[in-house]
Amino acid sequence: MTVPSWEWISASAIGTSHIRINRSCDDSGACIFVRGRNESALVAVCADGAGSAMRSSVGSRIIVRAFCRNVRSYLQSGGILADLSREVVSDWLDDMRGRIEIVSRSAGLTPRDFAATLVGCIIGDGKAKVLHVGDGAVVYRLSDSEEWAVGSWPSHGEYASTTYFVTDDPEPSFQLNDIDGPVSELAVFTDGIEHLVLNFSTLTAFPPFFNQMFSGFKSDGIGKNRNLSRHLCNYLNGPAVCDRTDDDKTLLLARRSLNVASQEHL
């Protein structure tokens, strides 16, 4: 019997503005496949640390790991995506904030010093959920469609060049969006490439970019494609991207296929 399988690539690249001030990349990202008790899913998540926060790179890593941990626990304990509510993900955000609070206290700092956004996707067989705090976005294509759709649009703050963070006080503003139907291709990214791949005047994705990015995927690939991930990292560090944005950038790309091989080892 065939089972759903995923191939994915991922990369983060430091922005040229960070290089000029000798600052490391504040982005983090992860992609894993979770086999749950009642439903299995691909988990793709990225976080962008605030440039004004001194330990935001640590905050972004905490948020990414905590998201993956909470999704795994939810699915392996029998949870299904159809039942995933705002109350449940609020508990996940509280867990992230609690972990950041512990680290910030031990360092003599505040949670704001670890501020970061969150774009987290959970992709099941016929339904997906997106938990989103701040900027960055999700673009996807359903298996029966040729159109690229935006699953969650960037949220910007009240003032120019501002956004929301998981560490916002007293609680973060977040979106929990549904995607109905079988997702075949998925892109999750931080705000560093927003203006390269999204059309803000029409609130749509830029199809040529995503068509090109997915052209190198294998028809029967499973798990992380490390060779394509290296190529993606080179692309994000190259002039085609860096001449248009000086920010950190993270991009996760995943494609679903049908393959007889099991993913239990991933």
C-alpha atoms as a PDB file:
ATOM      1  CA  MET A   1       0.000   0.000   0.000  1.00  0.00           C
ATOM      2  CA  THR A   2       1.305   3.438  -0.883  1.00  0.00           C
ATOM      3  CA  VAL A   3       1.748   6.022   1.850  1.00  0.00           C
ATOM      4  CA  PRO A   4       2.169   9.795   1.573  1.00  0.00           C
ATOM      5  CA  SER A   5       5.798  10.878   1.499  1.00  0.00           C
ATOM      6  CA  TRP A   6       7.540  14.223   1.524  1.00  0.00           C
ATOM      7  CA  GLU A   7      10.794  15.582   0.193  1.00  0.00           C
ATOM      8  CA  TRP A   8      11.979  18.896   1.539  1.00  0.00           C
ATOM      9  CA  ILE A   9      14.817  21.382   1.388  1.00  0.00           C
ATOM     10  CA  SER A  10      15.668  24.203   3.751  1.00  0.00           C
ATOM     11  CA  ALA A  11      18.229  26.950   4.205  1.00  0.00           C
ATOM     12  CA  SER A  12      18.886  30.080   6.222  1.00  0.00           C
ATOM     13  CA  ALA A  13      21.215  32.847   5.075  1.00  0.00           C
ATOM     14  CA  ILE A  14      22.622  35.813   6.928  1.00  0.00           C
ATOM     15  CA  GLY A  15      21.627  39.239   5.667  1.00  0.00           C
ATOM     16  CA  THR A  16      24.255  41.632   4.339  1.00  0.00           C
ATOM     17  CA  SER A  17      23.108  44.220   6.905  1.00  0.00           C
ATOM     18  CA  HIS A  18      24.037  41.752   9.646  1.00  0.00           C
ATOM     19  CA  ILE A  19      27.408  41.066   8.080  1.00  0.00           C
ATOM     20  CA  ARG A  20      28.217  44.783   8.083  1.00  0.00           C
ATOM     21  CA  ILE A  21      27.672  45.017  11.847  1.00  0.00           C
ATOM     22  CA  ASN A  22      29.243  41.626  12.601  1.00  0.00           C
ATOM     23  CA  ARG A  23      25.950  40.079  13.736  1.00  0.00           C
ATOM     24  CA  SER A  24      24.968  36.450  13.163  1.00  0.00           C
ATOM     25  CA  CYS A  25      21.820  35.186  11.442  1.00  0.00           C
ATOM     26  CA  ASP A  26      18.772  35.559  13.697  1.00  0.00           C
ATOM     27  CA  ASP A  27      16.538  33.184  11.683  1.00  0.00           C
ATOM     28  CA  SER A  28      15.808  29.549  12.501  1.00  0.00           C
ATOM     29  CA  GLY A  29      13.837  26.844  10.726  1.00  0.00           C
ATOM     30  CA  ALA A  30      12.993  23.146  10.799  1.00  0.00           C
ATOM     31  CA  CYS A  31      11.080  20.548   8.829  1.00  0.00           C
ATOM     32  CA  ILE A  32      10.132  17.118  10.245  1.00  0.00           C
ATOM     33  CA  PHE A  33       7.616  14.371   9.558  1.00  0.00           C
ATOM     34  CA  VAL A  34       5.559  13.233  12.551  1.00  0.00           C
ATOM     35  CA  ARG A  35       3.713   9.913  12.546  1.00  0.00           C
ATOM     36  CA  GLY A  36       0.795  10.380  14.923  1.00  0.00           C
ATOM     37  CA  ARG A  37      -1.612   7.922  16.533  1.00  0.00           C
ATOM     38  CA  ASN A  38      -4.591   8.996  14.399  1.00  0.00           C
ATOM     39  CA  GLU A  39      -3.048  11.394  11.884  1.00  0.00           C
ATOM     40  CA  SER A  40       0.453  11.979  10.562  1.00  0.00           C
ATOM     41  CA  ALA A  41       1.732  15.273   9.255  1.00  0.00           C
ATOM     42  CA  LEU A  42       4.617  17.241   7.858  1.00  0.00           C
ATOM     43  CA  VAL A  43       5.726  20.028  10.192  1.00  0.00           C
ATOM     44  CA  ALA A  44       7.471  23.050   8.664  1.00  0.00           C
ATOM     45  CA  VAL A  45       8.341  26.053  10.807  1.00  0.00           C
ATOM     46  CA  CYS A  46      10.541  29.122  10.750  1.00  0.00           C
ATOM     47  CA  ALA A  47      11.152  32.039  13.106  1.00  0.00           C
ATOM     48  CA  ASP A  48      12.758  35.423  12.538  1.00  0.00           C
ATOM     49  CA  GLY A  49      14.509  37.056  15.466  1.00  0.00           C
ATOM     50  CA  ALA A  50      13.914  40.776  15.964  1.00  0.00           C
ATOM     51  CA  GLY A  51      16.866  42.863  14.831  1.00  0.00           C
ATOM     52  CA  SER A  52      16.510  45.085  17.895  1.00  0.00           C
ATOM     53  CA  ALA A  53      16.686  42.154  20.345  1.00  0.00           C
ATOM     54  CA  MET A  54      20.173  41.140  21.488  1.00  0.00           C
ATOM     55  CA  ARG A  55      19.411  37.408  21.894  1.00  0.00           C
ATOM     56  CA  SER A  56      16.796  36.997  19.177  1.00  0.00           C
ATOM     57  CA  SER A  57      18.739  34.199  17.484  1.00  0.00           C
ATOM     58  CA  VAL A  58      18.348  32.173  20.690  1.00  0.00           C
ATOM     59  CA  GLY A  59      14.673  33.100  20.866  1.00  0.00           C
ATOM     60  CA  SER A  60      14.037  31.948  17.294  1.00  0.00           C
ATOM     61  CA  ARG A  61      15.669  28.564  18.006  1.00  0.00           C
ATOM     62  CA  ILE A  62      13.620  28.083  21.181  1.00  0.00           C
ATOM     63  CA  ILE A  63      10.402  28.877  19.302  1.00  0.00           C
ATOM     64  CA  VAL A  64      11.146  26.496  16.410  1.00  0.00           C
ATOM     65  CA  ARG A  65      12.071  23.602  18.705  1.00  0.00           C
ATOM     66  CA  ALA A  66       9.108  24.167  21.018  1.00  0.00           C
ATOM     67  CA  PHE A  67       6.694  24.268  18.079  1.00  0.00           C
ATOM     68  CA  CYS A  68       7.993  20.945  16.734  1.00  0.00           C
ATOM     69  CA  ARG A  69       7.889  19.418  20.223  1.00  0.00           C
ATOM     70  CA  ASN A  70       4.296  20.518  20.852  1.00  0.00           C
ATOM     71  CA  VAL A  71       3.042  19.326  17.466  1.00  0.00           C
ATOM     72  CA  ARG A  72       4.721  15.935  17.947  1.00  0.00           C
ATOM     73  CA  SER A  73       3.175  15.542  21.388  1.00  0.00           C
ATOM     74  CA  TYR A  74      -0.267  16.546  20.107  1.00  0.00           C
ATOM     75  CA  LEU A  75      -0.268  14.108  17.185  1.00  0.00           C
ATOM     76  CA  GLN A  76       1.352  11.216  19.011  1.00  0.00           C
ATOM     77  CA  SER A  77      -1.186  11.506  21.840  1.00  0.00           C
ATOM     78  CA  GLY A  78      -4.026  11.088  19.321  1.00  0.00           C
ATOM     79  CA  GLY A  79      -4.834  14.680  18.347  1.00  0.00           C
ATOM     80  CA  ILE A  80      -6.063  15.468  14.829  1.00  0.00           C
ATOM     81  CA  LEU A  81      -5.784  18.672  12.836  1.00  0.00           C
ATOM     82  CA  ALA A  82      -9.546  19.143  12.579  1.00  0.00           C
ATOM     83  CA  ASP A  83      -9.662  19.528  16.367  1.00  0.00           C
ATOM     84  CA  LEU A  84      -6.675  21.857  16.680  1.00  0.00           C
ATOM     85  CA  SER A  85      -8.141  24.981  18.285  1.00  0.00           C
ATOM     86  CA  ARG A  86      -6.988  28.441  19.281  1.00  0.00           C
ATOM     87  CA  GLU A  87      -7.034  27.285  22.893  1.00  0.00           C
ATOM     88  CA  VAL A  88      -4.572  24.472  22.142  1.00  0.00           C
ATOM     89  CA  VAL A  89      -2.146  26.644  20.194  1.00  0.00           C
ATOM     90  CA  SER A  90      -2.416  29.326  22.885  1.00  0.00           C
ATOM     91  CA  ASP A  91      -1.019  26.711  25.261  1.00  0.00           C
ATOM     92  CA  TRP A  92       1.792  26.052  22.768  1.00  0.00           C
ATOM     93  CA  LEU A  93       2.628  29.753  22.677  1.00  0.00           C
ATOM     94  CA  ASP A  94       2.584  29.870  26.474  1.00  0.00           C
ATOM     95  CA  ASP A  95       5.059  26.983  26.485  1.00  0.00           C
ATOM     96  CA  MET A  96       7.383  28.884  24.122  1.00  0.00           C
ATOM     97  CA  ARG A  97       7.100  32.025  26.225  1.00  0.00           C
ATOM     98  CA  GLY A  98       7.761  30.059  29.395  1.00  0.00           C
ATOM     99  CA  ARG A  99      10.920  28.535  27.966  1.00  0.00           C
ATOM    100  CA  ILE A 100      12.124  31.973  26.867  1.00  0.00           C
ATOM    101  CA  GLU A 101      11.303  33.387  30.320  1.00  0.00           C
ATOM    102  CA  ILE A 102      13.498  30.757  31.986  1.00  0.00           C
ATOM    103  CA  VAL A 103      16.421  31.440  29.649  1.00  0.00           C
ATOM    104  CA  SER A 104      16.049  35.215  29.929  1.00  0.00           C
ATOM    105  CA  ARG A 105      16.060  35.127  33.742  1.00  0.00           C
ATOM    106  CA  SER A 106      19.174  32.969  33.856  1.00  0.00           C
ATOM    107  CA  ALA A 107      20.905  35.490  31.592  1.00  0.00           C
ATOM    108  CA  GLY A 108      19.734  38.525  33.556  1.00  0.00           C
ATOM    109  CA  LEU A 109      17.706  39.736  30.574  1.00  0.00           C
ATOM    110  CA  THR A 110      14.042  40.147  29.637  1.00  0.00           C
ATOM    111  CA  PRO A 111      11.924  38.049  27.234  1.00  0.00           C
ATOM    112  CA  ARG A 112      11.890  41.026  24.859  1.00  0.00           C
ATOM    113  CA  ASP A 113      15.634  40.447  24.364  1.00  0.00           C
ATOM    114  CA  PHE A 114      14.694  37.092  22.751  1.00  0.00           C
ATOM    115  CA  ALA A 115      11.871  38.394  20.544  1.00  0.00           C
ATOM    116  CA  ALA A 116      11.081  36.418  17.378  1.00  0.00           C
ATOM    117  CA  THR A 117       8.225  35.713  14.986  1.00  0.00           C
ATOM    118  CA  LEU A 118       6.691  32.319  14.164  1.00  0.00           C
ATOM    119  CA  VAL A 119       5.366  30.738  10.964  1.00  0.00           C
ATOM    120  CA  GLY A 120       4.407  27.135  11.716  1.00  0.00           C
ATOM    121  CA  CYS A 121       2.642  24.719   9.346  1.00  0.00           C
ATOM    122  CA  ILE A 122       1.172  21.278  10.036  1.00  0.00           C
ATOM    123  CA  ILE A 123       0.235  19.487   6.810  1.00  0.00           C
ATOM    124  CA  GLY A 124      -1.982  16.408   7.050  1.00  0.00           C
ATOM    125  CA  ASP A 125      -3.480  14.288   4.270  1.00  0.00           C
ATOM    126  CA  GLY A 126      -6.475  16.483   3.483  1.00  0.00           C
ATOM    127  CA  LYS A 127      -6.160  19.401   5.875  1.00  0.00           C
ATOM    128  CA  ALA A 128      -3.482  21.773   7.114  1.00  0.00           C
ATOM    129  CA  LYS A 129      -3.138  24.326   9.894  1.00  0.00           C
ATOM    130  CA  VAL A 130      -0.936  27.417  10.031  1.00  0.00           C
ATOM    131  CA  LEU A 131       0.025  29.110  13.306  1.00  0.00           C
ATOM    132  CA  HIS A 132       1.414  32.551  12.522  1.00  0.00           C
ATOM    133  CA  VAL A 133       2.774  35.337  14.710  1.00  0.00           C
ATOM    134  CA  GLY A 134       4.214  38.343  12.895  1.00  0.00           C
ATOM    135  CA  ASP A 135       5.634  38.592   9.395  1.00  0.00           C
ATOM    136  CA  GLY A 136       6.849  35.931   7.002  1.00  0.00           C
ATOM    137  CA  ALA A 137       4.327  33.847   5.056  1.00  0.00           C
ATOM    138  CA  VAL A 138       3.137  30.493   3.737  1.00  0.00           C
ATOM    139  CA  VAL A 139       2.533  29.702   0.061  1.00  0.00           C
ATOM    140  CA  TYR A 140       1.107  26.388  -1.138  1.00  0.00           C
ATOM    141  CA  ARG A 141      -0.433  24.506  -4.025  1.00  0.00           C
ATOM    142  CA  LEU A 142      -3.120  21.834  -3.737  1.00  0.00           C
ATOM    143  CA  SER A 143      -2.688  18.536  -5.565  1.00  0.00           C
ATOM    144  CA  ASP A 144      -5.614  19.248  -7.904  1.00  0.00           C
ATOM    145  CA  SER A 145      -4.624  22.833  -8.706  1.00  0.00           C
ATOM    146  CA  GLU A 146      -2.064  24.719 -10.773  1.00  0.00           C
ATOM    147  CA  GLU A 147      -2.506  27.885  -8.713  1.00  0.00           C
ATOM    148  CA  TRP A 148      -0.245  29.075  -5.904  1.00  0.00           C
ATOM    149  CA  ALA A 149      -2.169  30.362  -2.889  1.00  0.00           C
ATOM    150  CA  VAL A 150      -1.087  32.278   0.209  1.00  0.00           C
ATOM    151  CA  GLY A 151      -1.962  30.289   3.318  1.00  0.00           C
ATOM    152  CA  SER A 152      -1.066  33.031   5.783  1.00  0.00           C
ATOM    153  CA  TRP A 153      -0.213  36.635   5.014  1.00  0.00           C
ATOM    154  CA  PRO A 154       2.398  38.687   6.908  1.00  0.00           C
ATOM    155  CA  SER A 155       1.093  40.645   9.877  1.00  0.00           C
ATOM    156  CA  HIS A 156       2.744  44.012  10.343  1.00  0.00           C
ATOM    157  CA  GLY A 157       2.483  46.239  13.365  1.00  0.00           C
ATOM    158  CA  GLU A 158       0.848  49.607  13.855  1.00  0.00           C
ATOM    159  CA  TYR A 159       3.896  51.478  12.604  1.00  0.00           C
ATOM    160  CA  ALA A 160       6.125  51.083   9.555  1.00  0.00           C
ATOM    161  CA  SER A 161       8.711  48.274   9.672  1.00  0.00           C
ATOM    162  CA  THR A 162       7.173  46.742  12.791  1.00  0.00           C
ATOM    163  CA  THR A 163       5.551  43.377  13.404  1.00  0.00           C
ATOM    164  CA  TYR A 164       4.394  41.067  16.195  1.00  0.00           C
ATOM    165  CA  PHE A 165       6.485  38.652  18.255  1.00  0.00           C
ATOM    166  CA  VAL A 166       5.831  35.561  20.356  1.00  0.00           C
ATOM    167  CA  THR A 167       7.228  37.451  23.362  1.00  0.00           C
ATOM    168  CA  ASP A 168       4.803  40.393  23.057  1.00  0.00           C
ATOM    169  CA  ASP A 169       3.259  41.483  26.346  1.00  0.00           C
ATOM    170  CA  PRO A 170       0.756  40.622  27.704  1.00  0.00           C
ATOM    171  CA  GLU A 171       0.195  38.013  24.954  1.00  0.00           C
ATOM    172  CA  PRO A 172       1.017  37.631  21.277  1.00  0.00           C
ATOM    173  CA  SER A 173      -1.391  38.413  18.462  1.00  0.00           C
ATOM    174  CA  PHE A 174      -1.630  35.283  16.309  1.00  0.00           C
ATOM    175  CA  GLN A 175      -3.424  33.782  13.349  1.00  0.00           C
ATOM    176  CA  LEU A 176      -4.591  30.167  13.167  1.00  0.00           C
ATOM    177  CA  ASN A 177      -5.536  29.479   9.574  1.00  0.00           C
ATOM    178  CA  ASP A 178      -7.030  26.415   7.885  1.00  0.00           C
ATOM    179  CA  ILE A 179      -6.045  25.014   4.514  1.00  0.00           C
ATOM    180  CA  ASP A 180      -8.669  22.596   3.204  1.00  0.00           C
ATOM    181  CA  GLY A 181      -7.560  19.992   0.694  1.00  0.00           C
ATOM    182  CA  PRO A 182      -4.413  17.942   0.064  1.00  0.00           C
ATOM    183  CA  VAL A 183      -1.369  20.223  -0.084  1.00  0.00           C
ATOM    184  CA  SER A 184       1.139  18.968  -2.658  1.00  0.00           C
ATOM    185  CA  GLU A 185       3.749  21.751  -2.463  1.00  0.00           C
ATOM    186  CA  LEU A 186       4.549  24.091   0.392  1.00  0.00           C
ATOM    187  CA  ALA A 187       6.823  27.071   0.958  1.00  0.00           C
ATOM    188  CA  VAL A 188       7.405  28.658   4.370  1.00  0.00           C
ATOM    189  CA  PHE A 189       9.647  31.707   4.694  1.00  0.00           C
ATOM    190  CA  THR A 190      10.663  34.627   6.865  1.00  0.00           C
ATOM    191  CA  ASP A 191      10.196  38.266   5.931  1.00  0.00           C
ATOM    192  CA  GLY A 192      13.645  38.568   4.343  1.00  0.00           C
ATOM    193  CA  ILE A 193      12.245  37.390   0.999  1.00  0.00           C
ATOM    194  CA  GLU A 194       8.639  38.613   1.310  1.00  0.00           C
ATOM    195  CA  HIS A 195       8.985  41.313  -1.328  1.00  0.00           C
ATOM    196  CA  LEU A 196      10.755  38.950  -3.725  1.00  0.00           C
ATOM    197  CA  VAL A 197       8.006  36.329  -3.771  1.00  0.00           C
ATOM    198  CA  LEU A 198       4.756  38.098  -2.817  1.00  0.00           C
ATOM    199  CA  ASN A 199       2.776  40.756  -4.678  1.00  0.00           C
ATOM    200  CA  PHE A 200       1.614  43.161  -1.974  1.00  0.00           C
ATOM    201  CA  SER A 201      -0.641  45.133  -4.323  1.00  0.00           C
ATOM    202  CA  THR A 202      -2.740  42.072  -5.216  1.00  0.00           C
ATOM    203  CA  LEU A 203      -2.069  40.009  -2.080  1.00  0.00           C
ATOM    204  CA  THR A 204      -0.949  37.046  -4.180  1.00  0.00           C
ATOM    205  CA  ALA A 205       2.105  34.839  -4.614  1.00  0.00           C
ATOM    206  CA  PHE A 206       4.572  35.272  -7.508  1.00  0.00           C
ATOM    207  CA  PRO A 207       4.182  32.007  -9.499  1.00  0.00           C
ATOM    208  CA  PRO A 208       7.454  32.087 -11.515  1.00  0.00           C
ATOM    209  CA  PHE A 209       9.530  32.029  -8.332  1.00  0.00           C
ATOM    210  CA  PHE A 210       7.798  28.994  -6.855  1.00  0.00           C
ATOM    211  CA  ASN A 211       7.623  27.112 -10.168  1.00  0.00           C
ATOM    212  CA  GLN A 212      11.378  27.516 -10.515  1.00  0.00           C
ATOM    213  CA  MET A 213      12.132  26.588  -6.906  1.00  0.00           C
ATOM    214  CA  PHE A 214      10.250  23.288  -7.140  1.00  0.00           C
ATOM    215  CA  SER A 215      11.614  22.296 -10.557  1.00  0.00           C
ATOM    216  CA  GLY A 216      14.603  20.450  -9.045  1.00  0.00           C
ATOM    217  CA  PHE A 217      12.612  18.149  -6.769  1.00  0.00           C
ATOM    218  CA  LYS A 218      12.575  14.392  -7.400  1.00  0.00           C
ATOM    219  CA  SER A 219       9.308  12.618  -8.156  1.00  0.00           C
ATOM    220  CA  ASP A 220       9.997   9.957  -5.517  1.00  0.00           C
ATOM    221  CA  GLY A 221      12.173  11.798  -3.001  1.00  0.00           C
ATOM    222  CA  ILE A 222      11.769  11.243   0.724  1.00  0.00           C
ATOM    223  CA  GLY A 223      13.097  13.317   3.607  1.00  0.00           C
ATOM    224  CA  LYS A 224      15.552  16.179   3.439  1.00  0.00           C
ATOM    225  CA  ASN A 225      17.381  16.630   0.147  1.00  0.00           C
ATOM    226  CA  ARG A 226      20.733  17.863   1.418  1.00  0.00           C
ATOM    227  CA  ASN A 227      22.196  18.520  -2.029  1.00  0.00           C
ATOM    228  CA  LEU A 228      19.313  20.800  -3.049  1.00  0.00           C
ATOM    229  CA  SER A 229      19.437  22.427   0.388  1.00  0.00           C
ATOM    230  CA  ARG A 230      23.063  23.415  -0.263  1.00  0.00           C
ATOM    231  CA  HIS A 231      22.062  24.873  -3.626  1.00  0.00           C
ATOM    232  CA  LEU A 232      19.236  26.777  -1.952  1.00  0.00           C
ATOM    233  CA  CYS A 233      21.651  28.199   0.622  1.00  0.00           C
ATOM    234  CA  ASN A 234      23.988  29.355  -2.174  1.00  0.00           C
ATOM    235  CA  TYR A 235      21.040  30.973  -3.939  1.00  0.00           C
ATOM    236  CA  LEU A 236      19.923  32.844  -0.801  1.00  0.00           C
ATOM    237  CA  ASN A 237      23.503  34.041  -0.296  1.00  0.00           C
ATOM    238  CA  GLY A 238      23.899  35.032  -3.954  1.00  0.00           C
ATOM    239  CA  PRO A 239      23.491  38.382  -5.711  1.00  0.00           C
ATOM    240  CA  ALA A 240      20.038  37.547  -7.139  1.00  0.00           C
ATOM    241  CA  VAL A 241      18.705  37.725  -3.578  1.00  0.00           C
ATOM    242  CA  CYS A 242      21.211  39.885  -1.684  1.00  0.00           C
ATOM    243  CA  ASP A 243      21.018  42.712  -4.225  1.00  0.00           C
ATOM    244  CA  ARG A 244      17.290  42.997  -3.403  1.00  0.00           C
ATOM    245  CA  THR A 245      17.255  42.411   0.360  1.00  0.00           C
ATOM    246  CA  ASP A 246      19.823  42.923   3.109  1.00  0.00           C
ATOM    247  CA  ASP A 247      17.861  40.999   5.756  1.00  0.00           C
ATOM    248  CA  ASP A 248      18.299  37.457   7.057  1.00  0.00           C
ATOM    249  CA  LYS A 249      16.205  34.966   5.126  1.00  0.00           C
ATOM    250  CA  THR A 250      14.962  31.428   5.694  1.00  0.00           C
ATOM    251  CA  LEU A 251      13.116  29.335   3.115  1.00  0.00           C
ATOM    252  CA  LEU A 252      11.619  25.848   3.552  1.00  0.00           C
ATOM    253  CA  LEU A 253      10.230  24.014   0.517  1.00  0.00           C
ATOM    254  CA  ALA A 254       8.407  20.677   0.643  1.00  0.00           C
ATOM    255  CA  ARG A 255       6.749  18.487  -1.990  1.00  0.00           C
ATOM    256  CA  ARG A 256       4.417  15.558  -1.353  1.00  0.00           C
ATOM    257  CA  SER A 257       4.332  12.444  -3.512  1.00  0.00           C
ATOM    258  CA  LEU A 258       3.155   8.845  -3.199  1.00  0.00           C
ATOM    259  CA  ASN A 259       5.831   6.338  -2.354  1.00  0.00           C
ATOM    260  CA  VAL A 260       5.743   2.787  -1.040  1.00  0.00           C
ATOM    261  CA  ALA A 261       8.600   3.471   1.349  1.00  0.00           C
ATOM    262  CA  SER A 262       7.749   4.117   4.983  1.00  0.00           C
ATOM    263  CA  GLN A 263       8.788   7.338   6.680  1.00  0.00           C
ATOM    264  CA  GLU A 264       8.923   5.971  10.198  1.00  0.00           C
ATOM    265  CA  HIS A 265      12.704   6.374  10.216  1.00  0.00           C
ATOM    266  CA  LEU A 266      12.592  10.097   9.460  1.00  0.00           C
END
